[in-house]
Amino acid sequence: MAAEKKTLAVAMSQGSDAVIEERPRPTYKGLFRFYTHKDLPLLVPAIAVSVASGFLVPAFSILLGKIFTSIGAFGSGEISGQEMEKQVTSFVIGICIVGAAAWGLGWAHMSLWLAFGENTARRAREQVLKGLMEKSMTWYDSRSANNGVSGHMNKAVKYFTCTNVANIDTLMTCKSPYRSRWVWFSNSL
């Protein structure tokens, strides 16, 4: 059975026509799309620190359970007060060690994954910019910008130039969704 490439159809408006663009569905493998072997010195320790950090919560729970077991044994008369103090002291020292390890591993965990993510994001930006720089101007002219900052700027220019805006009175007569914002702004001055 042949594996089919799953795609996601995205409707893009282009002038008065609607264009359907096929895009690949996002996957977990896609998270590492911009990974290179240069990232290995960050990725391997990041995974190891994440696994080690995962052992700290159960270790803390086990030590806390042993403290309550010692207190329970003292309450039932199985051990003396001095023996309970000795046991609880050793478990509290263990909790302090787990806490210090959690602090150090938490810092390393965040630092390593942050560095890995920043390297990946930089590489993604570079590849996108390289791809955009290789496009011809006709490719940009064939696309419509209906979203994002540039899309809003294009809409604003379109609406503000719906009439020849020679003065503010002409702008007030222009049928624009931005007119109400301008009225609010001019009244607040």
N, C-alpha and C. Protein backbone atom coordinates (compact mmCIF):
# COMPACT_ATOMS: atom_id res chain seq x y z
N MET A 1 0.85 -1.17 0.00
CA MET A 1 0.00 0.00 0.00
C MET A 1 0.89 1.23 0.00
N ALA A 2 0.72 2.09 -0.95
CA ALA A 2 1.54 3.29 -1.09
C ALA A 2 1.11 4.32 -0.06
N ALA A 3 2.10 4.93 0.53
CA ALA A 3 1.81 5.98 1.51
C ALA A 3 1.47 7.27 0.77
N GLU A 4 0.32 7.83 1.12
CA GLU A 4 -0.10 9.06 0.47
C GLU A 4 0.42 10.25 1.27
N LYS A 5 0.83 11.27 0.55
CA LYS A 5 1.29 12.49 1.20
C LYS A 5 0.06 13.29 1.62
N LYS A 6 -0.08 13.48 2.91
CA LYS A 6 -1.24 14.20 3.42
C LYS A 6 -0.99 15.69 3.24
N THR A 7 -1.99 16.37 2.70
CA THR A 7 -1.85 17.80 2.48
C THR A 7 -3.02 18.53 3.10
N LEU A 8 -2.84 19.80 3.27
CA LEU A 8 -3.84 20.67 3.84
C LEU A 8 -4.18 21.71 2.79
N ALA A 9 -5.45 21.77 2.41
CA ALA A 9 -5.87 22.75 1.40
C ALA A 9 -6.13 24.08 2.08
N VAL A 10 -5.51 25.12 1.58
CA VAL A 10 -5.66 26.46 2.13
C VAL A 10 -6.19 27.35 1.04
N ALA A 11 -7.29 28.02 1.32
CA ALA A 11 -7.87 28.93 0.33
C ALA A 11 -7.16 30.27 0.43
N MET A 12 -6.71 30.75 -0.71
CA MET A 12 -6.06 32.05 -0.78
C MET A 12 -6.84 32.89 -1.78
N SER A 13 -7.18 34.10 -1.39
CA SER A 13 -7.87 34.96 -2.33
C SER A 13 -6.85 35.70 -3.16
N GLN A 14 -7.09 35.75 -4.43
CA GLN A 14 -6.16 36.40 -5.34
C GLN A 14 -7.01 37.24 -6.29
N GLY A 15 -7.14 38.51 -5.92
CA GLY A 15 -8.03 39.36 -6.70
C GLY A 15 -9.45 38.91 -6.48
N SER A 16 -10.16 38.62 -7.57
CA SER A 16 -11.53 38.16 -7.45
C SER A 16 -11.62 36.64 -7.49
N ASP A 17 -10.51 35.97 -7.80
CA ASP A 17 -10.51 34.51 -7.89
C ASP A 17 -10.02 33.91 -6.58
N ALA A 18 -10.54 32.72 -6.27
CA ALA A 18 -10.07 32.00 -5.10
C ALA A 18 -9.14 30.89 -5.57
N VAL A 19 -7.96 30.81 -4.97
CA VAL A 19 -6.97 29.82 -5.35
C VAL A 19 -6.80 28.86 -4.19
N ILE A 20 -6.79 27.57 -4.47
CA ILE A 20 -6.56 26.56 -3.44
C ILE A 20 -5.09 26.15 -3.52
N GLU A 21 -4.38 26.35 -2.42
CA GLU A 21 -2.96 26.00 -2.36
C GLU A 21 -2.81 24.79 -1.46
N GLU A 22 -2.14 23.77 -1.95
CA GLU A 22 -1.91 22.55 -1.17
C GLU A 22 -0.66 22.73 -0.33
N ARG A 23 -0.78 22.53 0.96
CA ARG A 23 0.36 22.61 1.87
C ARG A 23 0.45 21.29 2.63
N PRO A 24 1.66 20.88 2.98
CA PRO A 24 1.78 19.64 3.76
C PRO A 24 1.23 19.82 5.17
N ARG A 25 0.65 18.75 5.72
CA ARG A 25 0.13 18.80 7.08
C ARG A 25 1.30 18.87 8.06
N PRO A 26 1.14 19.63 9.14
CA PRO A 26 2.21 19.70 10.14
C PRO A 26 2.38 18.37 10.86
N THR A 27 3.62 18.00 11.13
CA THR A 27 3.95 16.76 11.84
C THR A 27 4.98 17.06 12.92
N TYR A 28 5.19 16.08 13.81
CA TYR A 28 6.23 16.23 14.82
C TYR A 28 7.61 16.23 14.17
N LYS A 29 7.74 15.50 13.10
CA LYS A 29 9.01 15.48 12.38
C LYS A 29 9.33 16.87 11.84
N GLY A 30 8.30 17.63 11.51
CA GLY A 30 8.49 18.98 11.01
C GLY A 30 9.11 19.93 12.03
N LEU A 31 8.99 19.59 13.33
CA LEU A 31 9.62 20.41 14.35
C LEU A 31 11.14 20.44 14.18
N PHE A 32 11.68 19.37 13.63
CA PHE A 32 13.12 19.26 13.47
C PHE A 32 13.53 19.43 12.01
N ARG A 33 12.70 20.09 11.22
CA ARG A 33 12.97 20.29 9.80
C ARG A 33 14.26 21.07 9.56
N PHE A 34 14.56 22.02 10.41
CA PHE A 34 15.74 22.86 10.23
C PHE A 34 16.92 22.40 11.07
N TYR A 35 16.82 21.19 11.62
CA TYR A 35 17.91 20.62 12.42
C TYR A 35 19.07 20.24 11.51
N THR A 36 20.29 20.49 11.96
CA THR A 36 21.49 20.01 11.27
C THR A 36 22.37 19.32 12.31
N HIS A 37 23.40 18.67 11.84
CA HIS A 37 24.30 17.96 12.75
C HIS A 37 25.11 18.93 13.62
N LYS A 38 25.12 20.19 13.26
CA LYS A 38 25.78 21.19 14.10
C LYS A 38 25.03 21.39 15.42
N ASP A 39 23.75 21.01 15.44
CA ASP A 39 22.94 21.16 16.65
C ASP A 39 23.10 19.99 17.62
N LEU A 40 23.79 18.95 17.22
CA LEU A 40 23.93 17.76 18.05
C LEU A 40 24.55 18.06 19.42
N PRO A 41 25.59 18.94 19.52
CA PRO A 41 26.13 19.25 20.84
C PRO A 41 25.14 19.93 21.77
N LEU A 42 24.08 20.50 21.26
CA LEU A 42 23.03 21.07 22.11
C LEU A 42 21.88 20.10 22.33
N LEU A 43 21.53 19.34 21.30
CA LEU A 43 20.36 18.47 21.37
C LEU A 43 20.57 17.29 22.32
N VAL A 44 21.71 16.63 22.24
CA VAL A 44 21.96 15.45 23.09
C VAL A 44 21.96 15.82 24.58
N PRO A 45 22.70 16.87 25.00
CA PRO A 45 22.61 17.24 26.42
C PRO A 45 21.22 17.72 26.82
N ALA A 46 20.51 18.38 25.92
CA ALA A 46 19.16 18.85 26.25
C ALA A 46 18.24 17.67 26.54
N ILE A 47 18.34 16.64 25.74
CA ILE A 47 17.51 15.44 25.97
C ILE A 47 17.92 14.75 27.26
N ALA A 48 19.24 14.63 27.49
CA ALA A 48 19.73 13.97 28.71
C ALA A 48 19.30 14.73 29.96
N VAL A 49 19.41 16.05 29.93
CA VAL A 49 19.00 16.86 31.09
C VAL A 49 17.49 16.76 31.30
N SER A 50 16.73 16.70 30.21
CA SER A 50 15.27 16.56 30.34
C SER A 50 14.90 15.25 31.02
N VAL A 51 15.58 14.18 30.63
CA VAL A 51 15.32 12.87 31.25
C VAL A 51 15.72 12.89 32.72
N ALA A 52 16.90 13.47 33.01
CA ALA A 52 17.35 13.54 34.40
C ALA A 52 16.40 14.38 35.24
N SER A 53 15.89 15.46 34.68
CA SER A 53 14.93 16.30 35.41
C SER A 53 13.65 15.54 35.71
N GLY A 54 13.30 14.62 34.84
CA GLY A 54 12.10 13.83 35.05
C GLY A 54 12.19 12.90 36.24
N PHE A 55 13.40 12.54 36.68
CA PHE A 55 13.57 11.65 37.83
C PHE A 55 13.49 12.39 39.16
N LEU A 56 13.56 13.70 39.14
CA LEU A 56 13.62 14.45 40.39
C LEU A 56 12.29 14.49 41.13
N VAL A 57 11.19 14.60 40.42
CA VAL A 57 9.88 14.66 41.09
C VAL A 57 9.56 13.34 41.80
N PRO A 58 9.77 12.18 41.15
CA PRO A 58 9.55 10.93 41.89
C PRO A 58 10.51 10.77 43.07
N ALA A 59 11.77 11.23 42.92
CA ALA A 59 12.73 11.14 44.02
C ALA A 59 12.25 11.98 45.21
N PHE A 60 11.75 13.18 44.93
CA PHE A 60 11.22 14.03 45.98
C PHE A 60 10.03 13.36 46.67
N SER A 61 9.15 12.77 45.88
CA SER A 61 7.96 12.10 46.45
C SER A 61 8.36 10.92 47.32
N ILE A 62 9.35 10.16 46.88
CA ILE A 62 9.80 9.01 47.68
C ILE A 62 10.39 9.47 49.00
N LEU A 63 11.24 10.51 48.97
CA LEU A 63 11.84 11.02 50.21
C LEU A 63 10.77 11.58 51.15
N LEU A 64 9.81 12.29 50.62
CA LEU A 64 8.73 12.83 51.45
C LEU A 64 7.90 11.70 52.05
N GLY A 65 7.67 10.66 51.28
CA GLY A 65 6.96 9.49 51.79
C GLY A 65 7.71 8.82 52.93
N LYS A 66 9.03 8.75 52.81
CA LYS A 66 9.83 8.14 53.88
C LYS A 66 9.80 8.98 55.15
N ILE A 67 9.74 10.31 54.98
CA ILE A 67 9.63 11.17 56.17
C ILE A 67 8.32 10.88 56.89
N PHE A 68 7.22 10.79 56.15
CA PHE A 68 5.92 10.50 56.79
C PHE A 68 5.88 9.09 57.37
N THR A 69 6.59 8.15 56.75
CA THR A 69 6.66 6.79 57.30
C THR A 69 7.38 6.81 58.65
N SER A 70 8.47 7.59 58.73
CA SER A 70 9.21 7.70 59.99
C SER A 70 8.36 8.34 61.07
N ILE A 71 7.62 9.41 60.68
CA ILE A 71 6.75 10.06 61.67
C ILE A 71 5.65 9.10 62.12
N GLY A 72 5.11 8.32 61.18
CA GLY A 72 4.08 7.34 61.53
C GLY A 72 4.62 6.24 62.44
N ALA A 73 5.87 5.80 62.18
CA ALA A 73 6.48 4.77 63.02
C ALA A 73 6.72 5.31 64.44
N PHE A 74 7.08 6.60 64.54
CA PHE A 74 7.27 7.20 65.86
C PHE A 74 5.93 7.31 66.58
N GLY A 75 4.88 7.67 65.84
CA GLY A 75 3.56 7.82 66.44
C GLY A 75 3.02 6.49 66.95
N SER A 76 3.36 5.40 66.29
CA SER A 76 2.87 4.08 66.73
C SER A 76 3.79 3.45 67.76
N GLY A 77 4.89 4.13 68.09
CA GLY A 77 5.80 3.63 69.11
C GLY A 77 6.81 2.63 68.60
N GLU A 78 6.96 2.45 67.31
CA GLU A 78 7.92 1.49 66.77
C GLU A 78 9.36 1.97 66.88
N ILE A 79 9.57 3.30 66.82
CA ILE A 79 10.91 3.85 66.94
C ILE A 79 10.90 4.96 67.97
N SER A 80 12.10 5.27 68.49
CA SER A 80 12.21 6.32 69.50
C SER A 80 12.30 7.69 68.82
N GLY A 81 12.24 8.75 69.62
CA GLY A 81 12.31 10.11 69.10
C GLY A 81 13.66 10.41 68.48
N GLN A 82 14.74 9.90 69.10
CA GLN A 82 16.07 10.15 68.57
C GLN A 82 16.27 9.44 67.23
N GLU A 83 15.75 8.24 67.12
CA GLU A 83 15.87 7.49 65.86
C GLU A 83 15.05 8.16 64.75
N MET A 84 13.86 8.66 65.11
CA MET A 84 13.04 9.37 64.12
C MET A 84 13.75 10.64 63.66
N GLU A 85 14.37 11.37 64.60
CA GLU A 85 15.08 12.59 64.25
C GLU A 85 16.24 12.29 63.31
N LYS A 86 16.95 11.20 63.58
CA LYS A 86 18.08 10.80 62.73
C LYS A 86 17.59 10.45 61.32
N GLN A 87 16.49 9.69 61.21
CA GLN A 87 15.95 9.31 59.90
C GLN A 87 15.43 10.53 59.14
N VAL A 88 14.66 11.37 59.82
CA VAL A 88 14.07 12.54 59.17
C VAL A 88 15.17 13.50 58.71
N THR A 89 16.22 13.65 59.52
CA THR A 89 17.33 14.54 59.15
C THR A 89 17.99 14.06 57.87
N SER A 90 18.22 12.76 57.76
CA SER A 90 18.85 12.25 56.53
C SER A 90 17.93 12.42 55.32
N PHE A 91 16.62 12.26 55.51
CA PHE A 91 15.69 12.44 54.40
C PHE A 91 15.58 13.92 54.00
N VAL A 92 15.64 14.83 54.97
CA VAL A 92 15.58 16.26 54.68
C VAL A 92 16.83 16.68 53.92
N ILE A 93 17.98 16.14 54.31
CA ILE A 93 19.22 16.42 53.55
C ILE A 93 19.06 15.91 52.12
N GLY A 94 18.46 14.75 51.96
CA GLY A 94 18.20 14.21 50.62
C GLY A 94 17.28 15.12 49.81
N ILE A 95 16.25 15.68 50.46
CA ILE A 95 15.33 16.61 49.78
C ILE A 95 16.08 17.88 49.36
N CYS A 96 16.99 18.34 50.22
CA CYS A 96 17.79 19.53 49.86
C CYS A 96 18.68 19.24 48.66
N ILE A 97 19.25 18.06 48.61
CA ILE A 97 20.09 17.68 47.47
C ILE A 97 19.25 17.59 46.19
N VAL A 98 18.05 17.00 46.30
CA VAL A 98 17.14 16.92 45.15
C VAL A 98 16.74 18.33 44.70
N GLY A 99 16.49 19.23 45.66
CA GLY A 99 16.14 20.61 45.32
C GLY A 99 17.27 21.33 44.60
N ALA A 100 18.50 21.15 45.07
CA ALA A 100 19.64 21.78 44.41
C ALA A 100 19.83 21.20 43.01
N ALA A 101 19.65 19.90 42.89
CA ALA A 101 19.76 19.26 41.56
C ALA A 101 18.65 19.77 40.64
N ALA A 102 17.46 19.95 41.18
CA ALA A 102 16.34 20.47 40.37
C ALA A 102 16.64 21.89 39.90
N TRP A 103 17.24 22.69 40.76
CA TRP A 103 17.59 24.06 40.37
C TRP A 103 18.62 24.04 39.25
N GLY A 104 19.69 23.28 39.41
CA GLY A 104 20.74 23.21 38.39
C GLY A 104 20.25 22.58 37.09
N LEU A 105 19.53 21.48 37.19
CA LEU A 105 19.03 20.82 35.99
C LEU A 105 17.95 21.64 35.30
N GLY A 106 17.14 22.35 36.09
CA GLY A 106 16.12 23.21 35.49
C GLY A 106 16.76 24.33 34.68
N TRP A 107 17.82 24.93 35.23
CA TRP A 107 18.54 25.97 34.50
C TRP A 107 19.15 25.41 33.22
N ALA A 108 19.81 24.25 33.33
CA ALA A 108 20.44 23.63 32.15
C ALA A 108 19.37 23.24 31.13
N HIS A 109 18.25 22.72 31.60
CA HIS A 109 17.16 22.32 30.72
C HIS A 109 16.67 23.50 29.89
N MET A 110 16.38 24.60 30.54
CA MET A 110 15.88 25.78 29.84
C MET A 110 16.94 26.37 28.92
N SER A 111 18.17 26.45 29.40
CA SER A 111 19.24 27.06 28.60
C SER A 111 19.52 26.26 27.34
N LEU A 112 19.62 24.95 27.47
CA LEU A 112 19.95 24.11 26.31
C LEU A 112 18.82 24.12 25.28
N TRP A 113 17.57 23.98 25.73
CA TRP A 113 16.47 23.98 24.77
C TRP A 113 16.26 25.36 24.16
N LEU A 114 16.52 26.41 24.92
CA LEU A 114 16.41 27.76 24.38
C LEU A 114 17.48 27.99 23.31
N ALA A 115 18.71 27.56 23.58
CA ALA A 115 19.78 27.71 22.59
C ALA A 115 19.47 26.89 21.33
N PHE A 116 18.97 25.67 21.51
CA PHE A 116 18.61 24.84 20.36
C PHE A 116 17.49 25.50 19.55
N GLY A 117 16.48 26.01 20.24
CA GLY A 117 15.37 26.67 19.55
C GLY A 117 15.80 27.94 18.83
N GLU A 118 16.67 28.71 19.45
CA GLU A 118 17.14 29.94 18.80
C GLU A 118 17.96 29.61 17.55
N ASN A 119 18.81 28.59 17.63
CA ASN A 119 19.58 28.18 16.44
C ASN A 119 18.65 27.71 15.33
N THR A 120 17.64 26.94 15.70
CA THR A 120 16.69 26.44 14.70
C THR A 120 15.90 27.59 14.09
N ALA A 121 15.45 28.53 14.90
CA ALA A 121 14.69 29.68 14.39
C ALA A 121 15.56 30.54 13.48
N ARG A 122 16.82 30.73 13.84
CA ARG A 122 17.72 31.52 12.99
C ARG A 122 17.90 30.84 11.64
N ARG A 123 18.09 29.54 11.67
CA ARG A 123 18.27 28.79 10.42
C ARG A 123 17.00 28.84 9.57
N ALA A 124 15.84 28.76 10.21
CA ALA A 124 14.57 28.84 9.48
C ALA A 124 14.41 30.21 8.84
N ARG A 125 14.71 31.28 9.60
CA ARG A 125 14.61 32.63 9.04
C ARG A 125 15.55 32.81 7.86
N GLU A 126 16.77 32.28 7.98
CA GLU A 126 17.73 32.40 6.89
C GLU A 126 17.25 31.68 5.64
N GLN A 127 16.68 30.48 5.82
CA GLN A 127 16.21 29.72 4.66
C GLN A 127 14.99 30.38 4.03
N VAL A 128 14.10 30.92 4.85
CA VAL A 128 12.93 31.61 4.29
C VAL A 128 13.37 32.86 3.54
N LEU A 129 14.29 33.62 4.13
CA LEU A 129 14.78 34.82 3.45
C LEU A 129 15.48 34.46 2.14
N LYS A 130 16.28 33.41 2.18
CA LYS A 130 16.97 32.98 0.96
C LYS A 130 15.96 32.59 -0.11
N GLY A 131 14.91 31.86 0.30
CA GLY A 131 13.87 31.48 -0.66
C GLY A 131 13.13 32.67 -1.22
N LEU A 132 12.84 33.65 -0.37
CA LEU A 132 12.14 34.84 -0.83
C LEU A 132 13.02 35.70 -1.74
N MET A 133 14.30 35.73 -1.46
CA MET A 133 15.21 36.52 -2.29
C MET A 133 15.38 35.90 -3.68
N GLU A 134 15.18 34.59 -3.78
CA GLU A 134 15.33 33.91 -5.07
C GLU A 134 14.10 34.07 -5.96
N LYS A 135 12.98 34.53 -5.37
CA LYS A 135 11.74 34.70 -6.15
C LYS A 135 11.85 35.93 -7.05
N SER A 136 11.19 35.84 -8.18
CA SER A 136 11.16 37.00 -9.08
C SER A 136 10.07 37.96 -8.62
N MET A 137 10.12 39.18 -9.10
CA MET A 137 9.13 40.19 -8.72
C MET A 137 7.73 39.81 -9.19
N THR A 138 7.63 39.07 -10.28
CA THR A 138 6.30 38.66 -10.75
C THR A 138 5.63 37.71 -9.77
N TRP A 139 6.42 36.93 -9.05
CA TRP A 139 5.84 36.03 -8.05
C TRP A 139 5.18 36.86 -6.96
N TYR A 140 5.83 37.92 -6.51
CA TYR A 140 5.26 38.78 -5.47
C TYR A 140 4.03 39.51 -5.99
N ASP A 141 4.08 39.93 -7.26
CA ASP A 141 2.95 40.64 -7.84
C ASP A 141 1.73 39.75 -8.00
N SER A 142 1.96 38.44 -8.14
CA SER A 142 0.84 37.52 -8.32
C SER A 142 0.17 37.14 -7.00
N ARG A 143 0.78 37.46 -5.88
CA ARG A 143 0.23 37.13 -4.57
C ARG A 143 -0.53 38.33 -4.02
N SER A 144 -1.58 38.05 -3.26
CA SER A 144 -2.28 39.15 -2.60
C SER A 144 -1.93 39.11 -1.13
N ALA A 145 -1.80 40.24 -0.54
CA ALA A 145 -1.45 40.33 0.88
C ALA A 145 -2.72 40.69 1.65
N ASN A 146 -3.42 39.67 2.13
CA ASN A 146 -4.66 39.91 2.85
C ASN A 146 -4.55 39.61 4.33
N ASN A 147 -3.35 39.31 4.79
CA ASN A 147 -3.20 39.03 6.20
C ASN A 147 -1.87 39.58 6.68
N GLY A 148 -1.70 39.65 7.96
CA GLY A 148 -0.47 40.16 8.52
C GLY A 148 -0.38 41.67 8.44
N VAL A 149 0.77 42.18 8.80
CA VAL A 149 0.96 43.63 8.84
C VAL A 149 0.87 44.22 7.46
N SER A 150 1.52 43.58 6.48
CA SER A 150 1.49 44.14 5.13
C SER A 150 0.07 44.12 4.57
N GLY A 151 -0.70 43.11 4.90
CA GLY A 151 -2.08 43.06 4.45
C GLY A 151 -2.91 44.19 5.01
N HIS A 152 -2.71 44.49 6.29
CA HIS A 152 -3.44 45.60 6.91
C HIS A 152 -2.99 46.93 6.33
N MET A 153 -1.70 47.05 6.06
CA MET A 153 -1.21 48.30 5.44
C MET A 153 -1.81 48.46 4.05
N ASN A 154 -1.87 47.37 3.28
CA ASN A 154 -2.46 47.45 1.94
C ASN A 154 -3.93 47.86 2.02
N LYS A 155 -4.65 47.28 2.98
CA LYS A 155 -6.05 47.64 3.14
C LYS A 155 -6.20 49.09 3.55
N ALA A 156 -5.33 49.55 4.44
CA ALA A 156 -5.41 50.94 4.88
C ALA A 156 -5.17 51.88 3.72
N VAL A 157 -4.17 51.59 2.91
CA VAL A 157 -3.89 52.43 1.75
C VAL A 157 -5.07 52.40 0.79
N LYS A 158 -5.63 51.22 0.59
CA LYS A 158 -6.77 51.09 -0.32
C LYS A 158 -7.96 51.91 0.18
N TYR A 159 -8.26 51.81 1.47
CA TYR A 159 -9.40 52.52 2.00
C TYR A 159 -9.16 54.02 2.10
N PHE A 160 -7.96 54.42 2.44
CA PHE A 160 -7.67 55.84 2.55
C PHE A 160 -7.59 56.52 1.19
N THR A 161 -7.32 55.77 0.15
CA THR A 161 -7.24 56.37 -1.17
C THR A 161 -8.50 56.09 -1.98
N CYS A 162 -9.61 55.79 -1.30
CA CYS A 162 -10.84 55.52 -2.03
C CYS A 162 -11.35 56.77 -2.71
N THR A 163 -10.98 57.91 -2.22
CA THR A 163 -11.24 59.17 -2.91
C THR A 163 -9.94 59.95 -2.89
N ASN A 164 -9.87 60.98 -3.62
CA ASN A 164 -8.67 61.81 -3.61
C ASN A 164 -8.67 62.60 -2.32
N VAL A 165 -7.88 62.18 -1.35
CA VAL A 165 -7.87 62.79 -0.03
C VAL A 165 -6.97 64.01 -0.08
N ALA A 166 -7.60 65.16 -0.32
CA ALA A 166 -6.84 66.41 -0.38
C ALA A 166 -6.79 67.06 0.99
N ASN A 167 -7.81 66.83 1.80
CA ASN A 167 -7.82 67.41 3.15
C ASN A 167 -8.59 66.48 4.07
N ILE A 168 -8.66 66.82 5.34
CA ILE A 168 -9.29 65.96 6.33
C ILE A 168 -10.80 65.85 6.11
N ASP A 169 -11.42 66.87 5.56
CA ASP A 169 -12.86 66.80 5.30
C ASP A 169 -13.18 65.74 4.26
N THR A 170 -12.31 65.62 3.25
CA THR A 170 -12.50 64.59 2.23
C THR A 170 -12.34 63.21 2.84
N LEU A 171 -11.40 63.07 3.77
CA LEU A 171 -11.19 61.79 4.44
C LEU A 171 -12.43 61.39 5.22
N MET A 172 -13.11 62.35 5.84
CA MET A 172 -14.29 62.04 6.63
C MET A 172 -15.45 61.55 5.76
N THR A 173 -15.47 61.92 4.49
CA THR A 173 -16.54 61.47 3.61
C THR A 173 -16.20 60.13 2.96
N CYS A 174 -14.98 59.69 3.06
CA CYS A 174 -14.54 58.42 2.47
C CYS A 174 -15.18 57.27 3.23
N LYS A 175 -15.73 56.29 2.52
CA LYS A 175 -16.35 55.14 3.17
C LYS A 175 -15.25 54.13 3.50
N SER A 176 -14.75 54.23 4.70
CA SER A 176 -13.62 53.42 5.12
C SER A 176 -13.86 52.88 6.52
N PRO A 177 -13.51 51.62 6.77
CA PRO A 177 -13.62 51.12 8.14
C PRO A 177 -12.63 51.81 9.07
N TYR A 178 -11.60 52.43 8.49
CA TYR A 178 -10.62 53.13 9.31
C TYR A 178 -11.09 54.54 9.66
N ARG A 179 -12.19 55.01 9.04
CA ARG A 179 -12.71 56.34 9.30
C ARG A 179 -13.07 56.51 10.76
N SER A 180 -13.73 55.52 11.35
CA SER A 180 -14.14 55.64 12.74
C SER A 180 -12.92 55.72 13.66
N ARG A 181 -11.86 55.04 13.30
CA ARG A 181 -10.64 55.13 14.10
C ARG A 181 -10.04 56.52 13.99
N TRP A 182 -10.07 57.11 12.78
CA TRP A 182 -9.54 58.44 12.61
C TRP A 182 -10.36 59.46 13.37
N VAL A 183 -11.69 59.29 13.36
CA VAL A 183 -12.57 60.21 14.08
C VAL A 183 -12.26 60.13 15.57
N TRP A 184 -12.09 58.93 16.09
CA TRP A 184 -11.76 58.77 17.50
C TRP A 184 -10.43 59.44 17.82
N PHE A 185 -9.42 59.23 16.95
CA PHE A 185 -8.10 59.79 17.17
C PHE A 185 -8.14 61.32 17.11
N SER A 186 -8.82 61.86 16.11
CA SER A 186 -8.85 63.32 15.96
C SER A 186 -9.63 63.96 17.09
N ASN A 187 -10.64 63.28 17.64
CA ASN A 187 -11.40 63.85 18.75
C ASN A 187 -10.63 63.78 20.05
N SER A 188 -9.66 62.86 20.15
CA SER A 188 -8.90 62.74 21.39
C SER A 188 -7.76 63.74 21.46
N LEU A 189 -7.49 64.46 20.36
CA LEU A 189 -6.39 65.44 20.37
C LEU A 189 -6.72 66.66 21.14
